[in-house]
């Protein structure tokens, strides 16, 4: 069964490892790949069978809060240290 690149990877492609040559390749989204192609077998998450419906990409992504590693100008940070006995 012919395989194609998933819709989400057409806009933002990524390089995959070709097991035959050991080189990194970017699969052509306009090309169909055989289901026994080594690239397809090595990265099945990147491809979908021709005719199958691809699940849509999420509409929004929640951004995780990032901890501030350094102090802001004028900010004071203190660390409580245990008293020596």
Protein backbone atom coordinates (compact mmCIF):
# COMPACT_ATOMS: atom_id res chain seq x y z
CA UNK A 1 0.00 0.00 0.00
CA UNK A 2 1.46 3.41 -0.90
CA UNK A 3 2.39 5.68 1.98
CA UNK A 4 2.55 9.46 2.09
CA UNK A 5 4.00 12.06 4.45
CA UNK A 6 1.52 13.15 7.16
CA UNK A 7 0.00 16.61 6.68
CA UNK A 8 1.59 18.08 9.79
CA UNK A 9 5.08 17.32 8.46
CA UNK A 10 4.51 18.91 5.05
CA UNK A 11 4.65 22.42 6.54
CA UNK A 12 7.43 21.60 9.02
CA UNK A 13 9.50 18.72 7.61
CA UNK A 14 12.22 17.01 9.59
CA UNK A 15 15.26 14.98 8.62
CA UNK A 16 15.01 11.21 9.03
CA UNK A 17 17.76 8.64 9.14
CA UNK A 18 18.01 6.49 6.03
CA UNK A 19 18.92 3.01 7.31
CA UNK A 20 20.47 2.01 3.97
CA UNK A 21 22.95 4.85 3.60
CA UNK A 22 23.11 6.11 7.18
CA UNK A 23 22.52 9.64 5.88
CA UNK A 24 19.84 12.05 7.02
CA UNK A 25 17.17 12.74 4.42
CA UNK A 26 14.06 14.93 4.26
CA UNK A 27 11.26 12.89 2.65
CA UNK A 28 9.59 14.54 -0.33
CA UNK A 29 5.94 15.24 0.63
CA UNK A 30 4.82 15.03 -3.03
CA UNK A 31 6.19 11.49 -3.45
CA UNK A 32 4.51 8.21 -2.49
CA UNK A 33 6.59 5.65 -0.60
CA UNK A 34 6.20 1.88 -0.54
CA UNK A 35 5.10 0.44 2.81
CA UNK A 36 8.26 -1.72 2.87
CA UNK A 37 10.57 1.23 2.16
CA UNK A 38 13.36 1.31 4.80
CA UNK A 39 12.68 4.98 5.58
CA UNK A 40 8.98 4.22 6.21
CA UNK A 41 9.84 1.22 8.37
CA UNK A 42 12.37 3.29 10.35
CA UNK A 43 9.93 6.20 11.00
CA UNK A 44 6.33 4.95 10.77
CA UNK A 45 5.05 7.94 12.77
CA UNK A 46 6.06 10.23 9.87
CA UNK A 47 3.95 8.46 7.23
CA UNK A 48 0.31 7.50 6.72
CA UNK A 49 -1.25 5.08 4.24
CA UNK A 50 -2.66 6.67 1.11
CA UNK A 51 -6.43 7.02 1.51
CA UNK A 52 -6.37 7.04 5.33
CA UNK A 53 -7.59 10.16 7.09
CA UNK A 54 -4.85 12.01 8.96
CA UNK A 55 -5.76 13.37 12.38
CA UNK A 56 -5.75 17.18 12.42
CA UNK A 57 -3.04 19.10 14.21
CA UNK A 58 -4.11 20.70 17.51
CA UNK A 59 -5.57 24.21 17.21
CA UNK A 60 -3.56 25.52 20.11
CA UNK A 61 -0.72 24.42 22.29
CA UNK A 62 -0.45 25.30 25.98
CA UNK A 63 2.89 26.90 26.73
CA UNK A 64 4.41 25.77 30.01
CA UNK A 65 5.55 28.42 32.43
CA UNK A 66 9.30 28.89 32.42
CA UNK A 67 11.16 29.43 35.64
CA UNK A 68 13.34 32.52 35.72
CA UNK A 69 16.92 31.42 36.34
CA UNK A 70 18.47 34.80 37.12
CA UNK A 71 17.31 37.71 39.19
CA UNK A 72 15.69 40.70 37.58
CA UNK A 73 17.35 44.10 38.08
CA UNK A 74 16.73 45.19 41.68
CA UNK A 75 15.34 41.80 42.72
CA UNK A 76 16.80 40.15 45.81
CA UNK A 77 16.83 36.43 46.38
CA UNK A 78 17.84 34.87 49.62
CA UNK A 79 18.49 31.32 50.61
CA UNK A 80 17.80 30.12 54.12
CA UNK A 81 20.65 28.04 55.34
CA UNK A 82 20.39 25.82 58.40
CA UNK A 83 22.27 27.06 61.42
CA UNK A 84 25.45 25.17 62.25
CA UNK A 85 25.30 23.21 65.52
